[in-house]
Amino acid sequence: MQGWLGSWLAEHDIKIIFAVPGIVLATLFITVPFIARELIPLMQAQGTEEELAAVTLGANGWQLFWRVTLPNIKWGLLYGVILCNARAMGEFGAVSVVSGHIRGSTNTLPLHVEILYNEYNFAAAFAVASLLALLALITLAIKTGIESKVSQQKGPKHEH
């Protein structure tokens, strides 16, 4: 095995490629940018004034995160996680490369659709693809609900 951890992983019989850890890493690599794409502009627009005030008043790092930063970004974070989930459910390419297509072990729903289709089991492939479509619709409904909630919170501001 090559790399910094290769020999240690081999000694402990831990497999990354053609195993679940490889699928998780590939999926994270593909999907986490959706969270960053939501949070970076949001945090830049909000600025650092509230964080600086909290630090000035004596907040430590955890207090700053839990009481100031997270409440300000919670909807953007949730929205990014939903987009991340939607992308992860349909991920095919990267997962196909690292999974090994091992039934019952490293097979994801999109890979399972491909296997069933290639075996000419069209009814089963359609059923699994329909399940993916249903999950996509549920994700879309959640996304729409969150967008509605965020727009209600932003609502018209009245000055007195």
N, C-alpha and C. Protein backbone atom coordinates (compact mmCIF):
# COMPACT_ATOMS: atom_id res chain seq x y z
N MET A 1 0.84 -1.19 0.00
CA MET A 1 0.00 0.00 0.00
C MET A 1 0.88 1.24 0.00
N GLN A 2 0.37 2.25 -0.68
CA GLN A 2 1.10 3.49 -0.79
C GLN A 2 0.41 4.57 0.03
N GLY A 3 1.11 5.67 0.21
CA GLY A 3 0.54 6.80 0.93
C GLY A 3 0.91 6.79 2.38
N TRP A 4 0.52 7.86 3.07
CA TRP A 4 0.88 8.03 4.47
C TRP A 4 0.23 6.98 5.36
N LEU A 5 -1.02 6.68 5.11
CA LEU A 5 -1.75 5.75 5.97
C LEU A 5 -1.88 4.36 5.37
N GLY A 6 -1.35 4.14 4.19
CA GLY A 6 -1.56 2.89 3.49
C GLY A 6 -1.16 1.65 4.27
N SER A 7 0.05 1.65 4.82
CA SER A 7 0.50 0.46 5.54
C SER A 7 -0.30 0.25 6.83
N TRP A 8 -0.66 1.35 7.52
CA TRP A 8 -1.46 1.22 8.74
C TRP A 8 -2.84 0.67 8.42
N LEU A 9 -3.46 1.16 7.35
CA LEU A 9 -4.77 0.65 6.94
C LEU A 9 -4.69 -0.83 6.58
N ALA A 10 -3.63 -1.22 5.89
CA ALA A 10 -3.46 -2.63 5.51
C ALA A 10 -3.27 -3.51 6.74
N GLU A 11 -2.49 -3.05 7.70
CA GLU A 11 -2.27 -3.81 8.93
C GLU A 11 -3.58 -4.03 9.69
N HIS A 12 -4.46 -3.06 9.67
CA HIS A 12 -5.72 -3.14 10.40
C HIS A 12 -6.88 -3.62 9.52
N ASP A 13 -6.56 -4.08 8.33
CA ASP A 13 -7.54 -4.61 7.39
C ASP A 13 -8.70 -3.64 7.16
N ILE A 14 -8.35 -2.37 6.94
CA ILE A 14 -9.34 -1.35 6.65
C ILE A 14 -9.25 -1.02 5.17
N LYS A 15 -10.36 -1.20 4.48
CA LYS A 15 -10.40 -0.92 3.05
C LYS A 15 -11.13 0.39 2.81
N ILE A 16 -10.59 1.18 1.91
CA ILE A 16 -11.21 2.44 1.54
C ILE A 16 -11.87 2.28 0.17
N ILE A 17 -11.07 1.92 -0.81
CA ILE A 17 -11.60 1.76 -2.17
C ILE A 17 -12.37 0.45 -2.24
N PHE A 18 -13.44 0.41 -2.98
CA PHE A 18 -14.34 -0.74 -3.11
C PHE A 18 -14.95 -1.11 -1.76
N ALA A 19 -15.19 -0.09 -0.93
CA ALA A 19 -15.80 -0.29 0.38
C ALA A 19 -16.60 0.97 0.74
N VAL A 20 -17.37 0.88 1.79
CA VAL A 20 -18.23 2.00 2.21
C VAL A 20 -17.45 3.28 2.49
N PRO A 21 -16.28 3.23 3.15
CA PRO A 21 -15.55 4.50 3.37
C PRO A 21 -15.23 5.24 2.07
N GLY A 22 -14.92 4.50 1.01
CA GLY A 22 -14.65 5.14 -0.28
C GLY A 22 -15.88 5.81 -0.84
N ILE A 23 -17.02 5.16 -0.68
CA ILE A 23 -18.28 5.75 -1.16
C ILE A 23 -18.59 7.02 -0.37
N VAL A 24 -18.41 6.98 0.94
CA VAL A 24 -18.67 8.15 1.78
C VAL A 24 -17.74 9.30 1.39
N LEU A 25 -16.45 9.01 1.23
CA LEU A 25 -15.50 10.05 0.86
C LEU A 25 -15.82 10.64 -0.51
N ALA A 26 -16.12 9.80 -1.48
CA ALA A 26 -16.46 10.30 -2.83
C ALA A 26 -17.71 11.16 -2.78
N THR A 27 -18.71 10.71 -2.04
CA THR A 27 -19.96 11.46 -1.94
C THR A 27 -19.73 12.80 -1.25
N LEU A 28 -18.96 12.82 -0.17
CA LEU A 28 -18.66 14.08 0.51
C LEU A 28 -17.90 15.03 -0.41
N PHE A 29 -16.94 14.51 -1.16
CA PHE A 29 -16.15 15.33 -2.07
C PHE A 29 -17.02 15.97 -3.13
N ILE A 30 -18.03 15.25 -3.59
CA ILE A 30 -18.92 15.76 -4.63
C ILE A 30 -19.97 16.70 -4.07
N THR A 31 -20.46 16.45 -2.85
CA THR A 31 -21.64 17.17 -2.37
C THR A 31 -21.39 18.33 -1.41
N VAL A 32 -20.33 18.29 -0.63
CA VAL A 32 -20.10 19.34 0.37
C VAL A 32 -19.96 20.74 -0.25
N PRO A 33 -19.46 20.86 -1.49
CA PRO A 33 -19.43 22.21 -2.08
C PRO A 33 -20.81 22.88 -2.17
N PHE A 34 -21.89 22.09 -2.18
CA PHE A 34 -23.22 22.69 -2.19
C PHE A 34 -23.49 23.45 -0.89
N ILE A 35 -22.98 22.94 0.22
CA ILE A 35 -23.13 23.64 1.49
C ILE A 35 -22.28 24.91 1.48
N ALA A 36 -21.05 24.78 1.02
CA ALA A 36 -20.17 25.95 0.96
C ALA A 36 -20.73 27.02 0.04
N ARG A 37 -21.33 26.60 -1.07
CA ARG A 37 -21.89 27.55 -2.02
C ARG A 37 -23.04 28.35 -1.41
N GLU A 38 -23.73 27.77 -0.45
CA GLU A 38 -24.80 28.49 0.23
C GLU A 38 -24.27 29.36 1.36
N LEU A 39 -23.30 28.85 2.12
CA LEU A 39 -22.87 29.54 3.33
C LEU A 39 -21.89 30.69 3.09
N ILE A 40 -20.98 30.53 2.16
CA ILE A 40 -19.94 31.56 1.98
C ILE A 40 -20.55 32.92 1.63
N PRO A 41 -21.43 33.03 0.61
CA PRO A 41 -22.00 34.35 0.34
C PRO A 41 -22.87 34.88 1.49
N LEU A 42 -23.58 33.97 2.15
CA LEU A 42 -24.42 34.37 3.29
C LEU A 42 -23.58 34.97 4.40
N MET A 43 -22.50 34.31 4.73
CA MET A 43 -21.64 34.80 5.81
C MET A 43 -20.91 36.08 5.42
N GLN A 44 -20.53 36.20 4.14
CA GLN A 44 -19.89 37.43 3.69
C GLN A 44 -20.86 38.60 3.76
N ALA A 45 -22.12 38.36 3.41
CA ALA A 45 -23.12 39.44 3.44
C ALA A 45 -23.43 39.87 4.87
N GLN A 46 -23.41 38.94 5.80
CA GLN A 46 -23.73 39.27 7.19
C GLN A 46 -22.61 40.03 7.87
N GLY A 47 -21.39 39.84 7.43
CA GLY A 47 -20.26 40.55 8.03
C GLY A 47 -19.85 39.94 9.37
N THR A 48 -18.97 40.62 10.05
CA THR A 48 -18.40 40.08 11.29
C THR A 48 -18.75 40.90 12.53
N GLU A 49 -19.63 41.86 12.38
CA GLU A 49 -19.90 42.76 13.51
C GLU A 49 -20.43 42.02 14.74
N GLU A 50 -21.40 41.12 14.54
CA GLU A 50 -21.97 40.41 15.69
C GLU A 50 -20.94 39.50 16.35
N GLU A 51 -20.11 38.83 15.55
CA GLU A 51 -19.08 37.97 16.11
C GLU A 51 -18.06 38.78 16.91
N LEU A 52 -17.67 39.92 16.35
CA LEU A 52 -16.71 40.79 17.06
C LEU A 52 -17.29 41.31 18.36
N ALA A 53 -18.57 41.65 18.34
CA ALA A 53 -19.21 42.12 19.57
C ALA A 53 -19.25 41.02 20.62
N ALA A 54 -19.56 39.79 20.19
CA ALA A 54 -19.61 38.66 21.13
C ALA A 54 -18.23 38.39 21.72
N VAL A 55 -17.19 38.45 20.91
CA VAL A 55 -15.83 38.24 21.40
C VAL A 55 -15.45 39.35 22.38
N THR A 56 -15.82 40.57 22.05
CA THR A 56 -15.54 41.71 22.93
C THR A 56 -16.22 41.53 24.28
N LEU A 57 -17.40 40.92 24.28
CA LEU A 57 -18.14 40.69 25.52
C LEU A 57 -17.69 39.43 26.26
N GLY A 58 -16.68 38.73 25.70
CA GLY A 58 -16.09 37.60 26.41
C GLY A 58 -16.52 36.22 25.97
N ALA A 59 -17.17 36.10 24.84
CA ALA A 59 -17.59 34.78 24.36
C ALA A 59 -16.38 33.99 23.90
N ASN A 60 -16.38 32.69 24.25
CA ASN A 60 -15.31 31.83 23.74
C ASN A 60 -15.74 31.29 22.37
N GLY A 61 -14.92 30.47 21.75
CA GLY A 61 -15.18 29.97 20.41
C GLY A 61 -16.48 29.21 20.26
N TRP A 62 -16.76 28.31 21.22
CA TRP A 62 -17.99 27.52 21.16
C TRP A 62 -19.22 28.38 21.38
N GLN A 63 -19.14 29.29 22.32
CA GLN A 63 -20.27 30.20 22.55
C GLN A 63 -20.52 31.06 21.32
N LEU A 64 -19.47 31.54 20.70
CA LEU A 64 -19.58 32.34 19.49
C LEU A 64 -20.28 31.55 18.39
N PHE A 65 -19.87 30.29 18.22
CA PHE A 65 -20.47 29.46 17.18
C PHE A 65 -21.94 29.16 17.46
N TRP A 66 -22.22 28.64 18.66
CA TRP A 66 -23.58 28.18 18.97
C TRP A 66 -24.58 29.32 19.18
N ARG A 67 -24.14 30.45 19.70
CA ARG A 67 -25.08 31.52 20.05
C ARG A 67 -25.14 32.67 19.04
N VAL A 68 -24.12 32.80 18.20
CA VAL A 68 -24.10 33.91 17.26
C VAL A 68 -24.08 33.41 15.81
N THR A 69 -23.05 32.65 15.46
CA THR A 69 -22.87 32.25 14.07
C THR A 69 -23.95 31.30 13.59
N LEU A 70 -24.17 30.19 14.30
CA LEU A 70 -25.15 29.19 13.86
C LEU A 70 -26.57 29.75 13.73
N PRO A 71 -27.07 30.52 14.70
CA PRO A 71 -28.41 31.07 14.49
C PRO A 71 -28.52 31.96 13.25
N ASN A 72 -27.43 32.63 12.89
CA ASN A 72 -27.47 33.50 11.71
C ASN A 72 -27.41 32.73 10.40
N ILE A 73 -26.86 31.53 10.41
CA ILE A 73 -26.68 30.78 9.16
C ILE A 73 -27.53 29.52 9.10
N LYS A 74 -28.38 29.28 10.09
CA LYS A 74 -29.08 27.99 10.18
C LYS A 74 -29.90 27.67 8.94
N TRP A 75 -30.61 28.63 8.37
CA TRP A 75 -31.44 28.34 7.20
C TRP A 75 -30.57 28.10 5.96
N GLY A 76 -29.51 28.86 5.82
CA GLY A 76 -28.59 28.62 4.70
C GLY A 76 -27.91 27.27 4.82
N LEU A 77 -27.54 26.91 6.05
CA LEU A 77 -26.92 25.60 6.28
C LEU A 77 -27.90 24.48 5.97
N LEU A 78 -29.12 24.61 6.44
CA LEU A 78 -30.13 23.58 6.18
C LEU A 78 -30.42 23.47 4.69
N TYR A 79 -30.51 24.60 4.01
CA TYR A 79 -30.73 24.60 2.57
C TYR A 79 -29.58 23.90 1.85
N GLY A 80 -28.34 24.20 2.26
CA GLY A 80 -27.17 23.55 1.67
C GLY A 80 -27.16 22.05 1.92
N VAL A 81 -27.57 21.63 3.11
CA VAL A 81 -27.63 20.20 3.43
C VAL A 81 -28.68 19.50 2.56
N ILE A 82 -29.79 20.17 2.32
CA ILE A 82 -30.82 19.58 1.46
C ILE A 82 -30.31 19.44 0.03
N LEU A 83 -29.64 20.45 -0.49
CA LEU A 83 -29.05 20.35 -1.81
C LEU A 83 -27.99 19.25 -1.85
N CYS A 84 -27.22 19.16 -0.79
CA CYS A 84 -26.19 18.13 -0.65
C CYS A 84 -26.84 16.75 -0.68
N ASN A 85 -27.93 16.59 0.06
CA ASN A 85 -28.65 15.32 0.10
C ASN A 85 -29.21 14.96 -1.28
N ALA A 86 -29.77 15.95 -1.96
CA ALA A 86 -30.33 15.70 -3.29
C ALA A 86 -29.25 15.23 -4.25
N ARG A 87 -28.10 15.84 -4.19
CA ARG A 87 -26.99 15.45 -5.07
C ARG A 87 -26.47 14.06 -4.68
N ALA A 88 -26.40 13.79 -3.40
CA ALA A 88 -25.88 12.50 -2.93
C ALA A 88 -26.79 11.35 -3.35
N MET A 89 -28.11 11.58 -3.32
CA MET A 89 -29.04 10.51 -3.70
C MET A 89 -28.86 10.08 -5.14
N GLY A 90 -28.51 11.01 -6.00
CA GLY A 90 -28.40 10.67 -7.41
C GLY A 90 -26.98 10.50 -7.90
N GLU A 91 -26.00 10.59 -7.02
CA GLU A 91 -24.59 10.51 -7.44
C GLU A 91 -24.31 9.16 -8.07
N PHE A 92 -23.73 9.21 -9.25
CA PHE A 92 -23.43 7.98 -9.98
C PHE A 92 -21.95 7.85 -10.31
N GLY A 93 -21.38 8.86 -10.93
CA GLY A 93 -20.03 8.77 -11.48
C GLY A 93 -18.95 8.42 -10.48
N ALA A 94 -18.71 9.29 -9.52
CA ALA A 94 -17.62 9.07 -8.56
C ALA A 94 -17.86 7.82 -7.73
N VAL A 95 -19.11 7.61 -7.33
CA VAL A 95 -19.43 6.43 -6.52
C VAL A 95 -19.23 5.16 -7.34
N SER A 96 -19.56 5.22 -8.62
CA SER A 96 -19.38 4.06 -9.49
C SER A 96 -17.90 3.66 -9.56
N VAL A 97 -17.04 4.65 -9.59
CA VAL A 97 -15.60 4.37 -9.70
C VAL A 97 -15.07 3.72 -8.43
N VAL A 98 -15.47 4.20 -7.25
CA VAL A 98 -14.87 3.72 -6.01
C VAL A 98 -15.62 2.57 -5.35
N SER A 99 -16.83 2.25 -5.83
CA SER A 99 -17.65 1.27 -5.10
C SER A 99 -17.33 -0.18 -5.40
N GLY A 100 -17.00 -0.48 -6.63
CA GLY A 100 -16.77 -1.86 -7.01
C GLY A 100 -18.06 -2.60 -7.34
N HIS A 101 -19.21 -1.96 -7.21
CA HIS A 101 -20.52 -2.56 -7.53
C HIS A 101 -20.75 -3.88 -6.79
N ILE A 102 -20.44 -3.94 -5.53
CA ILE A 102 -20.61 -5.18 -4.76
C ILE A 102 -22.02 -5.17 -4.17
N ARG A 103 -22.84 -6.08 -4.65
CA ARG A 103 -24.24 -6.13 -4.20
C ARG A 103 -24.33 -6.36 -2.70
N GLY A 104 -25.19 -5.59 -2.07
CA GLY A 104 -25.41 -5.74 -0.64
C GLY A 104 -24.33 -5.13 0.21
N SER A 105 -23.30 -4.58 -0.42
CA SER A 105 -22.21 -4.00 0.36
C SER A 105 -21.90 -2.58 -0.08
N THR A 106 -21.60 -2.40 -1.35
CA THR A 106 -21.21 -1.07 -1.84
C THR A 106 -22.12 -0.59 -2.97
N ASN A 107 -23.32 -1.04 -2.98
CA ASN A 107 -24.24 -0.66 -4.05
C ASN A 107 -25.16 0.46 -3.57
N THR A 108 -25.24 1.52 -4.34
CA THR A 108 -26.17 2.61 -4.04
C THR A 108 -27.37 2.48 -4.96
N LEU A 109 -28.42 3.26 -4.71
CA LEU A 109 -29.62 3.16 -5.54
C LEU A 109 -29.35 3.45 -7.02
N PRO A 110 -28.63 4.51 -7.38
CA PRO A 110 -28.35 4.72 -8.81
C PRO A 110 -27.55 3.57 -9.43
N LEU A 111 -26.60 3.02 -8.68
CA LEU A 111 -25.83 1.89 -9.19
C LEU A 111 -26.71 0.65 -9.33
N HIS A 112 -27.64 0.50 -8.40
CA HIS A 112 -28.55 -0.65 -8.45
C HIS A 112 -29.46 -0.56 -9.67
N VAL A 113 -29.91 0.64 -10.00
CA VAL A 113 -30.72 0.83 -11.21
C VAL A 113 -29.92 0.39 -12.44
N GLU A 114 -28.66 0.79 -12.51
CA GLU A 114 -27.82 0.40 -13.64
C GLU A 114 -27.66 -1.11 -13.72
N ILE A 115 -27.40 -1.75 -12.60
CA ILE A 115 -27.21 -3.20 -12.60
C ILE A 115 -28.49 -3.91 -13.05
N LEU A 116 -29.62 -3.50 -12.51
CA LEU A 116 -30.89 -4.11 -12.89
C LEU A 116 -31.18 -3.89 -14.38
N TYR A 117 -30.90 -2.70 -14.86
CA TYR A 117 -31.14 -2.40 -16.27
C TYR A 117 -30.24 -3.26 -17.16
N ASN A 118 -28.97 -3.37 -16.78
CA ASN A 118 -28.03 -4.17 -17.57
C ASN A 118 -28.37 -5.65 -17.54
N GLU A 119 -29.09 -6.10 -16.52
CA GLU A 119 -29.54 -7.49 -16.44
C GLU A 119 -30.90 -7.68 -17.11
N TYR A 120 -31.38 -6.65 -17.81
CA TYR A 120 -32.67 -6.68 -18.51
C TYR A 120 -33.85 -6.89 -17.56
N ASN A 121 -33.66 -6.49 -16.31
CA ASN A 121 -34.75 -6.54 -15.34
C ASN A 121 -35.37 -5.15 -15.28
N PHE A 122 -36.09 -4.82 -16.35
CA PHE A 122 -36.57 -3.46 -16.53
C PHE A 122 -37.61 -3.07 -15.48
N ALA A 123 -38.47 -3.99 -15.09
CA ALA A 123 -39.49 -3.66 -14.09
C ALA A 123 -38.85 -3.28 -12.76
N ALA A 124 -37.86 -4.04 -12.33
CA ALA A 124 -37.18 -3.74 -11.07
C ALA A 124 -36.38 -2.44 -11.19
N ALA A 125 -35.73 -2.22 -12.33
CA ALA A 125 -34.97 -0.99 -12.54
C ALA A 125 -35.91 0.22 -12.49
N PHE A 126 -37.09 0.08 -13.10
CA PHE A 126 -38.07 1.17 -13.08
C PHE A 126 -38.58 1.40 -11.66
N ALA A 127 -38.79 0.33 -10.90
CA ALA A 127 -39.27 0.47 -9.52
C ALA A 127 -38.26 1.21 -8.66
N VAL A 128 -36.98 0.86 -8.78
CA VAL A 128 -35.94 1.52 -7.99
C VAL A 128 -35.79 2.97 -8.45
N ALA A 129 -35.85 3.21 -9.76
CA ALA A 129 -35.76 4.58 -10.27
C ALA A 129 -36.96 5.40 -9.79
N SER A 130 -38.12 4.76 -9.70
CA SER A 130 -39.31 5.46 -9.19
C SER A 130 -39.13 5.83 -7.72
N LEU A 131 -38.49 4.96 -6.96
CA LEU A 131 -38.19 5.27 -5.56
C LEU A 131 -37.27 6.49 -5.47
N LEU A 132 -36.26 6.53 -6.34
CA LEU A 132 -35.38 7.69 -6.37
C LEU A 132 -36.16 8.95 -6.74
N ALA A 133 -37.07 8.83 -7.70
CA ALA A 133 -37.89 9.99 -8.09
C ALA A 133 -38.76 10.46 -6.93
N LEU A 134 -39.33 9.52 -6.18
CA LEU A 134 -40.14 9.87 -5.01
C LEU A 134 -39.29 10.59 -3.96
N LEU A 135 -38.09 10.09 -3.71
CA LEU A 135 -37.19 10.76 -2.77
C LEU A 135 -36.83 12.16 -3.26
N ALA A 136 -36.66 12.31 -4.57
CA ALA A 136 -36.38 13.63 -5.13
C ALA A 136 -37.55 14.58 -4.92
N LEU A 137 -38.76 14.09 -5.09
CA LEU A 137 -39.94 14.93 -4.86
C LEU A 137 -40.07 15.34 -3.39
N ILE A 138 -39.78 14.41 -2.50
CA ILE A 138 -39.81 14.73 -1.06
C ILE A 138 -38.76 15.79 -0.75
N THR A 139 -37.57 15.63 -1.31
CA THR A 139 -36.51 16.61 -1.10
C THR A 139 -36.92 17.97 -1.65
N LEU A 140 -37.55 17.98 -2.82
CA LEU A 140 -38.03 19.23 -3.40
C LEU A 140 -39.08 19.90 -2.52
N ALA A 141 -39.98 19.11 -1.95
CA ALA A 141 -41.00 19.66 -1.05
C ALA A 141 -40.35 20.26 0.19
N ILE A 142 -39.36 19.59 0.75
CA ILE A 142 -38.65 20.13 1.93
C ILE A 142 -37.93 21.42 1.56
N LYS A 143 -37.27 21.43 0.40
CA LYS A 143 -36.57 22.63 -0.06
C LYS A 143 -37.54 23.80 -0.23
N THR A 144 -38.69 23.54 -0.82
CA THR A 144 -39.70 24.59 -1.01
C THR A 144 -40.21 25.10 0.33
N GLY A 145 -40.43 24.19 1.27
CA GLY A 145 -40.86 24.60 2.61
C GLY A 145 -39.85 25.47 3.30
N ILE A 146 -38.59 25.14 3.17
CA ILE A 146 -37.54 25.95 3.80
C ILE A 146 -37.44 27.31 3.13
N GLU A 147 -37.54 27.33 1.80
CA GLU A 147 -37.51 28.63 1.11
C GLU A 147 -38.66 29.51 1.56
N SER A 148 -39.83 28.91 1.74
CA SER A 148 -41.00 29.65 2.20
C SER A 148 -40.78 30.19 3.61
N LYS A 149 -40.22 29.36 4.48
CA LYS A 149 -39.95 29.76 5.86
C LYS A 149 -38.95 30.92 5.90
N VAL A 150 -37.91 30.82 5.07
CA VAL A 150 -36.89 31.88 5.04
C VAL A 150 -37.49 33.18 4.51
N SER A 151 -38.32 33.09 3.46
CA SER A 151 -38.91 34.32 2.92
C SER A 151 -39.89 34.94 3.91
N GLN A 152 -40.58 34.13 4.72
CA GLN A 152 -41.47 34.66 5.75
C GLN A 152 -40.68 35.40 6.82
N GLN A 153 -39.52 34.84 7.19
CA GLN A 153 -38.71 35.47 8.22
C GLN A 153 -38.12 36.78 7.72
N LYS A 154 -37.75 36.83 6.43
CA LYS A 154 -37.17 38.05 5.89
C LYS A 154 -38.24 39.11 5.73
N GLY A 155 -39.46 38.69 5.35
CA GLY A 155 -40.64 39.53 5.20
C GLY A 155 -40.41 41.03 5.23
N PRO A 156 -41.45 41.79 5.08
CA PRO A 156 -41.31 43.26 5.09
C PRO A 156 -40.94 43.76 6.49
N LYS A 157 -39.99 44.64 6.53
CA LYS A 157 -39.58 45.22 7.81
C LYS A 157 -40.25 46.58 7.97
N HIS A 158 -40.84 46.77 9.12
CA HIS A 158 -41.53 48.02 9.38
C HIS A 158 -40.66 48.88 10.30
N GLU A 159 -40.47 50.12 9.88
CA GLU A 159 -39.71 51.04 10.72
C GLU A 159 -40.69 51.88 11.53
N HIS A 160 -40.38 52.06 12.79
CA HIS A 160 -41.25 52.84 13.67
C HIS A 160 -40.60 54.16 13.99
